[in-house]
C-alpha atoms as a PDB file:
ATOM      1  CA  MET A   1     -44.946 -53.615  20.521  1.00  0.00           C
ATOM      2  CA  ASN A   2     -46.747 -53.064  17.295  1.00  0.00           C
ATOM      3  CA  PRO A   3     -49.309 -55.027  16.693  1.00  0.00           C
ATOM      4  CA  ARG A   4     -48.435 -56.376  13.198  1.00  0.00           C
ATOM      5  CA  LEU A   5     -44.376 -56.710  14.476  1.00  0.00           C
ATOM      6  CA  ILE A   6     -43.742 -60.620  14.898  1.00  0.00           C
ATOM      7  CA  SER A   7     -42.372 -61.277  18.619  1.00  0.00           C
ATOM      8  CA  ASP A   8     -39.549 -62.593  17.701  1.00  0.00           C
ATOM      9  CA  LEU A   9     -38.918 -59.437  15.426  1.00  0.00           C
ATOM     10  CA  TRP A  10     -39.237 -56.259  17.760  1.00  0.00           C
ATOM     11  CA  VAL A  11     -37.276 -58.153  20.289  1.00  0.00           C
ATOM     12  CA  SER A  12     -34.721 -58.333  18.244  1.00  0.00           C
ATOM     13  CA  ALA A  13     -35.190 -55.015  16.639  1.00  0.00           C
ATOM     14  CA  TYR A  14     -35.173 -53.653  20.640  1.00  0.00           C
ATOM     15  CA  LEU A  15     -32.446 -55.278  21.428  1.00  0.00           C
ATOM     16  CA  ALA A  16     -30.406 -53.402  19.210  1.00  0.00           C
ATOM     17  CA  ARG A  17     -31.588 -50.387  20.421  1.00  0.00           C
ATOM     18  CA  LEU A  18     -30.282 -51.142  22.870  1.00  0.00           C
ATOM     19  CA  GLY A  19     -27.052 -52.083  22.370  1.00  0.00           C
ATOM     20  CA  ARG A  20     -26.441 -49.100  20.441  1.00  0.00           C
ATOM     21  CA  ALA A  21     -27.089 -47.597  23.151  1.00  0.00           C
ATOM     22  CA  ASN A  22     -24.875 -49.448  24.837  1.00  0.00           C
ATOM     23  CA  ILE A  23     -27.306 -50.825  27.295  1.00  0.00           C
ATOM     24  CA  PRO A  24     -26.761 -54.481  28.824  1.00  0.00           C
ATOM     25  CA  ALA A  25     -30.761 -56.612  27.917  1.00  0.00           C
ATOM     26  CA  TYR A  26     -30.734 -60.613  27.568  1.00  0.00           C
ATOM     27  CA  VAL A  27     -33.578 -63.140  26.581  1.00  0.00           C
ATOM     28  CA  ILE A  28     -34.816 -64.539  29.637  1.00  0.00           C
ATOM     29  CA  ALA A  29     -37.435 -66.716  27.855  1.00  0.00           C
ATOM     30  CA  ARG A  30     -38.194 -67.175  24.593  1.00  0.00           C
ATOM     31  CA  GLY A  31     -41.848 -67.372  24.132  1.00  0.00           C
ATOM     32  CA  ASP A  32     -43.668 -67.518  21.065  1.00  0.00           C
ATOM     33  CA  ALA A  33     -41.617 -66.046  17.784  1.00  0.00           C
ATOM     34  CA  THR A  34     -45.469 -64.488  16.777  1.00  0.00           C
ATOM     35  CA  ALA A  35     -47.370 -64.036  18.907  1.00  0.00           C
ATOM     36  CA  GLY A  36     -46.196 -63.948  21.577  1.00  0.00           C
ATOM     37  CA  ALA A  37     -46.577 -61.359  24.617  1.00  0.00           C
ATOM     38  CA  VAL A  38     -43.243 -59.039  25.778  1.00  0.00           C
ATOM     39  CA  VAL A  39     -42.399 -58.744  29.643  1.00  0.00           C
ATOM     40  CA  VAL A  40     -39.291 -55.969  30.011  1.00  0.00           C
ATOM     41  CA  LYS A  41     -37.394 -56.359  33.201  1.00  0.00           C
ATOM     42  CA  LEU A  42     -35.631 -53.809  33.969  1.00  0.00           C
ATOM     43  CA  ALA A  43     -32.803 -55.265  36.571  1.00  0.00           C
ATOM     44  CA  LEU A  44     -31.797 -51.150  38.927  1.00  0.00           C
ATOM     45  CA  LEU A  45     -28.335 -53.640  39.708  1.00  0.00           C
ATOM     46  CA  ASP A  46     -29.130 -52.265  43.830  1.00  0.00           C
ATOM     47  CA  GLY A  47     -31.037 -55.740  44.553  1.00  0.00           C
ATOM     48  CA  THR A  48     -34.658 -53.652  43.087  1.00  0.00           C
ATOM     49  CA  ALA A  49     -36.256 -54.567  39.731  1.00  0.00           C
ATOM     50  CA  ARG A  50     -39.581 -53.110  37.774  1.00  0.00           C
ATOM     51  CA  ALA A  51     -41.242 -55.758  35.408  1.00  0.00           C
ATOM     52  CA  TYR A  52     -43.394 -53.720  32.303  1.00  0.00           C
ATOM     53  CA  GLU A  53     -45.826 -54.784  30.762  1.00  0.00           C
ATOM     54  CA  ARG A  54     -47.883 -53.594  26.706  1.00  0.00           C
ATOM     55  CA  THR A  55     -51.433 -52.272  28.479  1.00  0.00           C
ATOM     56  CA  MET A  56     -53.990 -51.376  26.055  1.00  0.00           C
ATOM     57  CA  ASP A  57     -54.114 -47.612  26.892  1.00  0.00           C
ATOM     58  CA  LEU A  58     -57.987 -47.528  27.976  1.00  0.00           C
ATOM     59  CA  VAL A  59     -57.688 -43.222  27.030  1.00  0.00           C
ATOM     60  CA  THR A  60     -56.742 -43.339  23.945  1.00  0.00           C
ATOM     61  CA  GLY A  61     -57.134 -46.969  22.214  1.00  0.00           C
ATOM     62  CA  GLY A  62     -53.885 -47.557  21.825  1.00  0.00           C
ATOM     63  CA  ARG A  63     -51.736 -49.716  22.893  1.00  0.00           C
ATOM     64  CA  ARG A  64     -48.674 -48.259  25.652  1.00  0.00           C
ATOM     65  CA  TRP A  65     -45.592 -50.091  28.175  1.00  0.00           C
ATOM     66  CA  MET A  66     -47.209 -50.173  31.829  1.00  0.00           C
ATOM     67  CA  LEU A  67     -45.342 -50.901  35.038  1.00  0.00           C
ATOM     68  CA  LEU A  68     -46.258 -54.370  36.501  1.00  0.00           C
ATOM     69  CA  ALA A  69     -44.271 -54.369  39.411  1.00  0.00           C
ATOM     70  CA  GLU A  70     -41.055 -53.539  40.738  1.00  0.00           C
ATOM     71  CA  GLY A  71     -39.636 -53.326  44.054  1.00  0.00           C
ATOM     72  CA  ALA A  72     -37.085 -56.637  46.039  1.00  0.00           C
ATOM     73  CA  GLU A  73     -35.412 -57.993  42.611  1.00  0.00           C
ATOM     74  CA  ALA A  74     -35.866 -61.673  43.803  1.00  0.00           C
ATOM     75  CA  ASP A  75     -39.387 -60.640  44.377  1.00  0.00           C
ATOM     76  CA  ILE A  76     -39.013 -59.614  40.958  1.00  0.00           C
ATOM     77  CA  ASP A  77     -38.146 -62.778  39.030  1.00  0.00           C
ATOM     78  CA  ALA A  78     -40.839 -64.964  41.172  1.00  0.00           C
ATOM     79  CA  LEU A  79     -43.614 -63.270  39.737  1.00  0.00           C
ATOM     80  CA  LEU A  80     -42.084 -63.400  36.131  1.00  0.00           C
ATOM     81  CA  ARG A  81     -41.351 -67.380  36.551  1.00  0.00           C
ATOM     82  CA  ARG A  82     -44.566 -67.573  37.687  1.00  0.00           C
ATOM     83  CA  GLN A  83     -46.219 -65.695  34.913  1.00  0.00           C
ATOM     84  CA  ARG A  84     -44.392 -67.815  31.824  1.00  0.00           C
ATOM     85  CA  ALA A  85     -45.401 -71.567  33.961  1.00  0.00           C
ATOM     86  CA  ARG A  86     -48.769 -69.834  32.988  1.00  0.00           C
ATOM     87  CA  ASP A  87     -47.950 -68.632  29.721  1.00  0.00           C
ATOM     88  CA  PRO A  88     -44.720 -70.098  28.230  1.00  0.00           C
ATOM     89  CA  ASP A  89     -45.343 -68.150  25.168  1.00  0.00           C
ATOM     90  CA  LEU A  90     -44.450 -65.367  26.602  1.00  0.00           C
ATOM     91  CA  TRP A  91     -40.589 -63.408  25.685  1.00  0.00           C
ATOM     92  CA  LEU A  92     -38.501 -62.257  28.692  1.00  0.00           C
ATOM     93  CA  ILE A  93     -36.404 -59.604  28.329  1.00  0.00           C
ATOM     94  CA  GLU A  94     -33.556 -58.213  31.099  1.00  0.00           C
ATOM     95  CA  VAL A  95     -32.388 -54.752  30.116  1.00  0.00           C
ATOM     96  CA  GLU A  96     -29.414 -53.949  33.641  1.00  0.00           C
ATOM     97  CA  SER A  97     -29.600 -50.002  33.564  1.00  0.00           C
ATOM     98  CA  ARG A  98     -28.800 -48.021  37.476  1.00  0.00           C
ATOM     99  CA  GLN A  99     -30.650 -45.002  35.608  1.00  0.00           C
ATOM    100  CA  GLY A 100     -33.488 -46.800  35.429  1.00  0.00           C
ATOM    101  CA  ARG A 101     -33.026 -46.907  31.176  1.00  0.00           C
ATOM    102  CA  THR A 102     -34.808 -49.394  28.950  1.00  0.00           C
ATOM    103  CA  LEU A 103     -35.464 -46.602  25.990  1.00  0.00           C
ATOM    104  CA  LEU A 104     -39.537 -47.839  25.945  1.00  0.00           C
ATOM    105  CA  ASP A 105     -40.404 -44.804  25.821  1.00  0.00           C
ATOM    106  CA  GLU A 106     -39.084 -43.381  22.720  1.00  0.00           C
ATOM    107  CA  ASP A 107     -40.451 -43.922  18.807  1.00  0.00           C
ATOM    108  CA  GLY A 108     -41.127 -47.235  17.639  1.00  0.00           C
ATOM    109  CA  LEU A 109     -41.046 -48.731  21.093  1.00  0.00           C
ATOM    110  CA  SER A 110     -43.702 -46.942  23.107  1.00  0.00           C
ATOM    111  CA  ASP A 111     -46.792 -47.868  20.776  1.00  0.00           C
END
């Protein structure tokens, strides 16, 4: 997520890009409109899920998406509920893709 881009604008653009790729996605929890962090949950529709968060790349100094957790979807949901309880400004986005597509590695989303 571009650090200059406010969170709700980034989320709207991300959802629009997913929509154009016919990948279902939903806002599970709205965070702070301007500075809320974003976590993307990927539901693989087989009972498993992955969660991704933005982190600082210590090598390049840039930002990148990193796998936060993966496993049974119920376990990932519980983890995200705990994170949201600690950080009410956190945005939670759920993406549904059997193929594991999040588009987070695409230009404009990956850096």
